[in-house]
Amino acid sequence: MNKQLWQGSGSFERKKAGRRGAVPVALAMAVGVIAMDALVSPAASAAPRQSAIQQGLNALVRTDGVPAALASFTGPDGRERTYTAGVGDLATGAKVPQDGQVRIGSNTKAFTAVVVLQLAGEGKIDLDASVDTYLKGMVHGDGIDGNAIKVRQLLQHTSGLPNYSKYLSDDIRYYQPRDLLDLALQHKADFGPGEKWAYSNTNYLVAGLIVEKVTGHALPVEIDQRVIQRIGLRHTYFPHPGELAIRERHPEGYYQDSPGAPLVDATQWDPSWAWSAGQMVSTDSDLNRFYSELLKPGHLLKQEQFDQMRSGVDADYPFPAGAKYGLGLVSTPLSCGGVYWGHGGSMTGYETRGGVTEDGRAFNIAVTTQPGPEAQKHMDQIVDAALCG
């Protein structure tokens, strides 16, 4: 059986596994560079912003060694541009599909938070009520008291709940949400509710369970009806239990055990371990639309809940310096002044970064592996260049 090791580091979850379908890194990088040069279009350098984005994607492939990178920029006028570099399938050499679907990881948290806040606006959830109000007796353990943790603290990562993803087994398999919660509750609280900020997928696991308890419906159904269909996201979905294949055109996602190790195709590894914290699939352009609509009061949230979502506390790794974490929404400073709003996320085989500005610029970038700290920094720099250009 293939093995995997899970390490919780914010939104960036890492799995280590056996070398099923491994592709030597040297070959992967060589193929990637060749395809990258073929994919650079003459129009890519027509404007400074476009040139900076394409050059950034090229560098991620050539220098950082990601198999593929793809991005989408939407301007205030609604005009959209897409970019690619590298190869979409190392086994076949297939091109990277323009605006292909990827696993969006912790961007899922923003979708979950929107549903919770919509329910708050409808008077069905009180953000300052305790978790026990909705999940009586379910969230208790060593230093963990569901009667002391507020719903708001779940959405803002100030609950102190231990991160279950640090303790997942080494088997690639299907997980029920309650399996994940039981795993988290075997461990001591990281700190008392409200004492500090620390990223934990368990917070959004519990938030998802609250949504199901309050509505009587499965969380994916609520996300689909309240968010995806409402704003017309045509390429975004929450996978069904046991659904491993990505539905539409997509680049393959790869896992690398360590720098220099072979790349393993992880596209169809079971994503259920992430559930309400990171299981969804989308595209760069759909993420641009989602965050753009989110920033328009009345489109997804009422003004009161919109304001609360954007009220942030200081956040550290895995977010850039100066970031503030609201209720499932992160503000990140721009080098040209102001901030952009988004979340970003990581899922086995994929990483996404990006967000939107107050004046209507939107940009998201995805790569087809979980890169190291330097490549993550480079992705953040590309986002900054795109939104400041």
Protein backbone atom coordinates (compact mmCIF):
# COMPACT_ATOMS: atom_id res chain seq x y z
CA MET A 1 0.00 0.00 0.00
CA ASN A 2 1.26 3.46 -0.82
CA LYS A 3 2.09 5.54 2.22
CA GLN A 4 1.64 9.18 2.96
CA LEU A 5 2.71 11.45 5.78
CA TRP A 6 0.60 14.48 6.62
CA GLN A 7 2.11 17.64 8.02
CA GLY A 8 -0.11 20.54 9.02
CA SER A 9 1.42 23.89 8.20
CA GLY A 10 -1.39 26.32 7.74
CA SER A 11 -3.19 25.91 4.46
CA PHE A 12 -0.26 24.00 3.06
CA GLU A 13 -0.78 20.31 3.76
CA ARG A 14 1.88 17.90 2.61
CA LYS A 15 1.59 14.22 1.87
CA LYS A 16 4.46 11.81 1.39
CA ALA A 17 3.81 8.65 -0.53
CA GLY A 18 5.21 5.70 -2.38
CA ARG A 19 6.52 6.41 -5.86
CA ARG A 20 3.58 5.22 -7.90
CA GLY A 21 3.84 6.70 -11.39
CA ALA A 22 7.00 8.60 -10.50
CA VAL A 23 8.62 10.85 -13.12
CA PRO A 24 12.32 11.70 -12.67
CA VAL A 25 12.70 15.36 -11.76
CA ALA A 26 15.36 16.06 -14.37
CA LEU A 27 13.08 14.78 -17.13
CA ALA A 28 10.12 16.65 -15.70
CA MET A 29 11.98 19.95 -15.66
CA ALA A 30 13.42 19.42 -19.14
CA VAL A 31 10.01 18.65 -20.62
CA GLY A 32 8.51 21.57 -18.70
CA VAL A 33 11.03 24.09 -20.03
CA ILE A 34 10.61 22.93 -23.64
CA ALA A 35 6.83 23.16 -23.46
CA MET A 36 6.98 26.45 -21.61
CA ASP A 37 8.92 28.13 -24.42
CA ALA A 38 6.39 26.84 -26.95
CA LEU A 39 3.48 28.23 -24.97
CA VAL A 40 4.69 31.81 -24.61
CA SER A 41 2.57 33.82 -27.05
CA PRO A 42 3.70 37.04 -28.77
CA ALA A 43 0.84 38.85 -27.05
CA ALA A 44 2.21 37.91 -23.64
CA SER A 45 4.70 40.79 -23.73
CA ALA A 46 2.29 43.32 -25.23
CA ALA A 47 1.85 45.10 -21.90
CA PRO A 48 4.02 45.34 -18.79
CA ARG A 49 1.54 43.48 -16.60
CA GLN A 50 1.08 40.67 -19.10
CA SER A 51 4.81 40.37 -19.59
CA ALA A 52 5.46 40.25 -15.84
CA ILE A 53 2.83 37.54 -15.34
CA GLN A 54 4.12 35.36 -18.18
CA GLN A 55 7.74 35.81 -17.11
CA GLY A 56 6.77 34.91 -13.57
CA LEU A 57 5.05 31.71 -14.66
CA ASN A 58 8.01 30.82 -16.87
CA ALA A 59 10.37 31.26 -13.93
CA LEU A 60 8.25 29.02 -11.71
CA VAL A 61 8.72 26.24 -14.25
CA ARG A 62 12.32 26.91 -15.26
CA THR A 63 13.80 27.90 -11.89
CA ASP A 64 11.48 26.53 -9.23
CA GLY A 65 10.80 23.28 -11.06
CA VAL A 66 7.00 23.18 -10.91
CA PRO A 67 5.58 21.03 -13.73
CA ALA A 68 3.03 23.64 -14.78
CA ALA A 69 1.70 27.04 -13.86
CA LEU A 70 -1.52 28.69 -14.98
CA ALA A 71 -3.11 32.03 -14.15
CA SER A 72 -6.00 34.34 -14.92
CA PHE A 73 -6.23 38.13 -14.67
CA THR A 74 -9.51 40.07 -14.80
CA GLY A 75 -9.43 43.84 -15.11
CA PRO A 76 -11.94 46.39 -13.79
CA ASP A 77 -13.53 46.34 -17.26
CA GLY A 78 -14.25 42.63 -16.89
CA ARG A 79 -11.80 41.65 -19.62
CA GLU A 80 -10.05 38.40 -18.84
CA ARG A 81 -6.62 37.11 -19.82
CA THR A 82 -5.22 33.65 -19.16
CA TYR A 83 -1.64 32.41 -19.05
CA THR A 84 0.15 29.05 -18.95
CA ALA A 85 3.66 27.65 -18.69
CA GLY A 86 5.09 24.14 -18.48
CA VAL A 87 3.30 20.91 -19.37
CA GLY A 88 -0.03 19.62 -18.16
CA ASP A 89 0.89 15.93 -18.11
CA LEU A 90 4.48 14.80 -17.65
CA ALA A 91 3.69 11.30 -18.91
CA THR A 92 2.24 12.43 -22.24
CA GLY A 93 3.69 15.92 -22.68
CA ALA A 94 0.18 17.35 -23.09
CA LYS A 95 -0.17 21.12 -22.99
CA VAL A 96 -1.48 22.95 -19.96
CA PRO A 97 -5.19 23.62 -20.57
CA GLN A 98 -6.05 27.30 -20.55
CA ASP A 99 -7.86 28.06 -17.28
CA GLY A 100 -7.95 24.37 -16.38
CA GLN A 101 -9.54 23.03 -13.22
CA VAL A 102 -7.36 22.50 -10.14
CA ARG A 103 -7.92 21.49 -6.55
CA ILE A 104 -8.14 24.83 -4.71
CA GLY A 105 -7.37 23.67 -1.17
CA SER A 106 -8.05 26.23 1.53
CA ASN A 107 -9.90 28.61 -0.77
CA THR A 108 -12.69 26.24 0.23
CA LYS A 109 -12.63 27.92 3.65
CA ALA A 110 -13.84 31.16 2.10
CA PHE A 111 -16.82 29.33 0.56
CA THR A 112 -17.62 27.66 3.89
CA ALA A 113 -17.34 30.98 5.71
CA VAL A 114 -19.71 32.66 3.25
CA VAL A 115 -22.38 30.04 3.97
CA VAL A 116 -21.96 30.46 7.74
CA LEU A 117 -22.22 34.25 7.38
CA GLN A 118 -25.28 33.99 5.16
CA LEU A 119 -26.93 31.87 7.85
CA ALA A 120 -25.90 34.47 10.41
CA GLY A 121 -27.57 37.15 8.27
CA GLU A 122 -30.72 35.02 8.24
CA GLY A 123 -30.70 34.75 12.04
CA LYS A 124 -29.99 31.01 11.97
CA ILE A 125 -26.45 31.20 13.38
CA ASP A 126 -25.13 33.58 16.03
CA LEU A 127 -21.43 34.19 15.50
CA ASP A 128 -20.96 34.87 19.20
CA ALA A 129 -22.84 31.77 20.32
CA SER A 130 -20.88 28.77 21.52
CA VAL A 131 -20.15 25.72 19.40
CA ASP A 132 -22.19 23.72 21.93
CA THR A 133 -25.25 25.76 20.95
CA TYR A 134 -25.28 23.87 17.66
CA LEU A 135 -23.20 20.74 18.29
CA LYS A 136 -24.12 19.92 21.88
CA GLY A 137 -21.45 17.82 23.57
CA MET A 138 -19.64 17.05 20.30
CA VAL A 139 -16.54 19.25 20.66
CA HIS A 140 -14.91 18.39 23.98
CA GLY A 141 -11.50 17.04 24.99
CA ASP A 142 -8.28 17.86 26.80
CA GLY A 143 -8.50 21.64 27.25
CA ILE A 144 -11.27 21.69 24.62
CA ASP A 145 -14.68 22.98 25.68
CA GLY A 146 -17.28 23.54 22.97
CA ASN A 147 -19.22 25.71 25.40
CA ALA A 148 -16.29 28.16 25.53
CA ILE A 149 -15.53 28.35 21.81
CA LYS A 150 -17.50 30.85 19.73
CA VAL A 151 -18.49 30.28 16.11
CA ARG A 152 -16.62 33.48 15.22
CA GLN A 153 -13.42 31.99 16.66
CA LEU A 154 -13.74 29.00 14.35
CA LEU A 155 -13.89 31.24 11.28
CA GLN A 156 -10.97 33.37 12.48
CA HIS A 157 -8.67 30.56 13.73
CA THR A 158 -8.63 31.78 17.31
CA SER A 159 -10.37 28.77 18.89
CA GLY A 160 -7.25 26.84 19.90
CA LEU A 161 -8.55 23.60 18.38
CA PRO A 162 -5.68 21.28 17.38
CA ASN A 163 -5.17 20.76 13.65
CA TYR A 164 -6.37 17.25 12.78
CA SER A 165 -4.35 17.18 9.56
CA LYS A 166 -1.15 16.88 11.60
CA TYR A 167 -2.28 13.47 12.80
CA LEU A 168 -3.84 11.79 9.76
CA SER A 169 -2.79 8.22 9.06
CA ASP A 170 -0.47 7.24 6.25
CA ASP A 171 -3.22 5.55 4.22
CA ILE A 172 -4.74 7.23 1.16
CA ARG A 173 -8.41 6.62 1.84
CA TYR A 174 -11.85 8.14 2.30
CA TYR A 175 -12.54 10.07 5.52
CA GLN A 176 -15.89 10.97 7.04
CA PRO A 177 -15.97 14.44 8.65
CA ARG A 178 -16.66 12.87 12.05
CA ASP A 179 -13.54 10.69 11.63
CA LEU A 180 -11.51 13.87 11.27
CA LEU A 181 -13.12 15.52 14.30
CA ASP A 182 -12.54 12.44 16.45
CA LEU A 183 -8.89 12.51 15.45
CA ALA A 184 -8.53 16.17 16.43
CA LEU A 185 -10.20 15.60 19.80
CA GLN A 186 -7.63 12.97 20.75
CA HIS A 187 -5.16 15.83 21.18
CA LYS A 188 -4.86 18.68 23.64
CA ALA A 189 -6.01 22.19 22.75
CA ASP A 190 -3.25 24.42 21.39
CA PHE A 191 -4.40 27.32 23.61
CA GLY A 192 -7.53 28.72 25.21
CA PRO A 193 -10.26 30.22 23.01
CA GLY A 194 -9.42 33.77 21.95
CA GLU A 195 -5.90 33.75 23.38
CA LYS A 196 -4.06 33.88 20.04
CA TRP A 197 -4.23 33.07 16.32
CA ALA A 198 -3.17 29.73 14.86
CA TYR A 199 -4.27 28.15 11.59
CA SER A 200 -6.17 24.89 12.06
CA ASN A 201 -8.25 22.95 9.55
CA THR A 202 -10.30 21.66 12.49
CA ASN A 203 -11.93 25.08 12.82
CA TYR A 204 -13.52 24.79 9.39
CA LEU A 205 -14.36 21.15 9.89
CA VAL A 206 -16.49 22.18 12.88
CA ALA A 207 -17.94 25.14 10.97
CA GLY A 208 -19.04 22.77 8.21
CA LEU A 209 -20.69 20.46 10.73
CA ILE A 210 -22.57 23.44 12.18
CA VAL A 211 -23.88 24.33 8.71
CA GLU A 212 -25.18 20.79 8.27
CA LYS A 213 -26.80 20.76 11.71
CA VAL A 214 -28.53 24.12 11.22
CA THR A 215 -29.74 23.55 7.65
CA GLY A 216 -30.37 19.81 7.70
CA HIS A 217 -28.53 19.61 4.37
CA ALA A 218 -25.08 18.43 3.32
CA LEU A 219 -22.50 21.21 3.27
CA PRO A 220 -21.69 20.72 -0.45
CA VAL A 221 -25.38 21.23 -1.27
CA GLU A 222 -25.48 24.49 0.67
CA ILE A 223 -22.27 25.74 -0.97
CA ASP A 224 -23.60 24.83 -4.41
CA GLN A 225 -26.98 26.53 -3.95
CA ARG A 226 -25.88 29.54 -1.91
CA VAL A 227 -22.63 30.39 -3.69
CA ILE A 228 -21.79 28.45 -6.85
CA GLN A 229 -25.19 28.69 -8.57
CA ARG A 230 -25.98 32.12 -7.16
CA ILE A 231 -23.04 33.84 -8.86
CA GLY A 232 -22.70 31.53 -11.84
CA LEU A 233 -19.44 29.70 -11.21
CA ARG A 234 -19.50 27.25 -14.13
CA HIS A 235 -16.35 25.28 -13.34
CA THR A 236 -16.47 25.06 -9.55
CA TYR A 237 -17.74 22.14 -7.49
CA PHE A 238 -17.42 20.19 -4.26
CA PRO A 239 -16.51 16.56 -5.14
CA HIS A 240 -18.95 13.82 -4.17
CA PRO A 241 -17.79 11.16 -1.67
CA GLY A 242 -15.49 8.80 -3.52
CA GLU A 243 -15.18 11.11 -6.55
CA LEU A 244 -11.47 11.08 -7.36
CA ALA A 245 -11.20 12.28 -10.95
CA ILE A 246 -11.31 15.99 -11.77
CA ARG A 247 -14.36 16.52 -14.00
CA GLU A 248 -13.18 18.92 -16.69
CA ARG A 249 -9.95 19.81 -18.51
CA HIS A 250 -7.12 20.04 -15.99
CA PRO A 251 -3.38 19.73 -15.59
CA GLU A 252 -2.19 16.72 -13.64
CA GLY A 253 -1.12 17.46 -10.05
CA TYR A 254 2.14 16.07 -8.68
CA TYR A 255 3.57 15.25 -5.29
CA GLN A 256 7.29 15.37 -4.53
CA ASP A 257 8.52 13.62 -1.42
CA SER A 258 11.56 15.88 -1.04
CA PRO A 259 13.68 18.19 -3.24
CA GLY A 260 15.21 16.12 -6.01
CA ALA A 261 12.86 13.16 -5.47
CA PRO A 262 10.68 11.83 -8.31
CA LEU A 263 7.37 13.52 -9.01
CA VAL A 264 4.34 11.31 -8.34
CA ASP A 265 1.01 11.88 -10.08
CA ALA A 266 -1.38 12.62 -7.19
CA THR A 267 -4.27 13.99 -9.24
CA GLN A 268 -6.70 11.31 -8.10
CA TRP A 269 -5.65 10.86 -4.50
CA ASP A 270 -8.75 10.95 -2.29
CA PRO A 271 -9.35 14.58 -1.20
CA SER A 272 -11.92 13.82 1.52
CA TRP A 273 -9.44 14.51 4.32
CA ALA A 274 -9.80 18.24 3.57
CA TRP A 275 -13.65 18.44 3.45
CA SER A 276 -14.96 21.92 4.41
CA ALA A 277 -11.38 23.12 4.93
CA GLY A 278 -10.08 22.37 1.44
CA GLN A 279 -11.79 19.82 -0.82
CA MET A 280 -13.20 21.95 -3.66
CA VAL A 281 -12.21 22.15 -7.33
CA SER A 282 -12.29 25.34 -9.41
CA THR A 283 -10.41 27.42 -11.99
CA ASP A 284 -8.40 30.62 -11.70
CA SER A 285 -11.11 32.59 -13.51
CA ASP A 286 -13.89 31.20 -11.31
CA LEU A 287 -11.88 32.13 -8.21
CA ASN A 288 -11.50 35.64 -9.61
CA ARG A 289 -15.27 35.83 -10.05
CA PHE A 290 -15.96 34.43 -6.58
CA TYR A 291 -13.73 36.90 -4.74
CA SER A 292 -14.90 39.79 -6.94
CA GLU A 293 -18.55 39.04 -6.16
CA LEU A 294 -17.70 38.60 -2.49
CA LEU A 295 -16.33 42.14 -2.36
CA LYS A 296 -19.66 43.57 -3.52
CA PRO A 297 -22.01 43.93 -0.52
CA GLY A 298 -25.38 42.44 -1.27
CA HIS A 299 -24.13 40.00 -3.90
CA LEU A 300 -23.19 37.19 -1.51
CA LEU A 301 -23.38 38.82 1.91
CA LYS A 302 -25.38 41.55 3.59
CA GLN A 303 -23.42 44.63 4.62
CA GLU A 304 -23.20 43.64 8.31
CA GLN A 305 -21.80 40.19 7.60
CA PHE A 306 -19.56 41.55 4.84
CA ASP A 307 -18.01 44.02 7.30
CA GLN A 308 -17.48 41.30 9.88
CA MET A 309 -15.86 39.01 7.33
CA ARG A 310 -13.28 41.69 6.51
CA SER A 311 -12.46 42.52 10.14
CA GLY A 312 -9.10 40.81 10.53
CA VAL A 313 -6.50 39.89 13.11
CA ASP A 314 -2.76 39.61 12.55
CA ALA A 315 -1.86 36.33 10.84
CA ASP A 316 1.51 34.73 10.29
CA TYR A 317 2.72 31.72 8.28
CA PRO A 318 1.49 30.49 5.82
CA PHE A 319 0.43 33.99 4.83
CA PRO A 320 2.74 36.83 3.70
CA ALA A 321 3.99 39.45 6.13
CA GLY A 322 1.35 41.98 7.11
CA ALA A 323 -1.59 39.70 6.31
CA LYS A 324 -4.73 39.89 8.42
CA TYR A 325 -7.19 37.02 8.73
CA GLY A 326 -10.87 37.94 8.85
CA LEU A 327 -13.68 35.39 8.81
CA GLY A 328 -12.43 33.12 6.04
CA LEU A 329 -11.02 36.07 4.09
CA VAL A 330 -7.44 37.38 4.16
CA SER A 331 -6.16 40.89 3.40
CA THR A 332 -2.58 41.07 2.12
CA PRO A 333 -0.61 44.32 1.63
CA LEU A 334 0.39 45.29 -1.91
CA SER A 335 3.77 46.87 -2.70
CA CYS A 336 1.96 49.65 -4.57
CA GLY A 337 -0.26 50.44 -1.58
CA GLY A 338 -3.55 49.09 -0.35
CA VAL A 339 -4.38 45.40 -0.01
CA TYR A 340 -5.88 42.53 -1.92
CA TRP A 341 -8.51 40.16 -0.58
CA GLY A 342 -8.47 36.40 -1.04
CA HIS A 343 -7.32 33.28 0.73
CA GLY A 344 -5.12 30.93 -1.27
CA GLY A 345 -4.78 27.25 -0.65
CA SER A 346 -2.88 24.05 -1.04
CA MET A 347 -4.00 20.53 -1.80
CA THR A 348 -1.94 17.51 -2.69
CA GLY A 349 -0.68 18.20 -6.22
CA TYR A 350 -1.74 21.85 -6.43
CA GLU A 351 -1.21 25.28 -4.92
CA THR A 352 -3.19 28.48 -5.56
CA ARG A 353 -2.58 32.12 -4.65
CA GLY A 354 -4.37 35.34 -5.49
CA GLY A 355 -7.24 37.68 -4.76
CA VAL A 356 -8.96 40.91 -5.74
CA THR A 357 -8.52 44.63 -5.11
CA GLU A 358 -11.07 47.25 -4.17
CA ASP A 359 -10.94 48.75 -7.66
CA GLY A 360 -11.91 45.53 -9.40
CA ARG A 361 -8.64 43.88 -10.40
CA ALA A 362 -8.56 40.12 -9.85
CA PHE A 363 -5.75 37.62 -10.26
CA ASN A 364 -5.22 33.97 -9.36
CA ILE A 365 -2.33 31.66 -10.05
CA ALA A 366 -2.04 27.89 -9.66
CA VAL A 367 0.87 25.47 -9.89
CA THR A 368 0.73 21.70 -10.18
CA THR A 369 2.68 20.70 -7.11
CA GLN A 370 3.06 21.98 -3.57
CA PRO A 371 6.17 24.16 -3.84
CA GLY A 372 8.72 24.96 -1.17
CA PRO A 373 8.95 28.28 0.69
CA GLU A 374 10.96 30.06 -2.01
CA ALA A 375 8.55 29.13 -4.77
CA GLN A 376 5.62 30.12 -2.53
CA LYS A 377 7.28 33.50 -2.11
CA HIS A 378 7.69 33.76 -5.88
CA MET A 379 3.99 33.04 -6.36
CA ASP A 380 3.14 35.84 -3.92
CA GLN A 381 5.44 38.17 -5.88
CA ILE A 382 3.66 37.32 -9.13
CA VAL A 383 0.30 38.10 -7.49
CA ASP A 384 1.68 41.44 -6.32
CA ALA A 385 3.10 42.27 -9.77
CA ALA A 386 -0.18 41.35 -11.47
CA LEU A 387 -2.34 43.45 -9.14
CA CYS A 388 0.08 46.39 -9.02
CA GLY A 389 1.05 46.43 -12.70
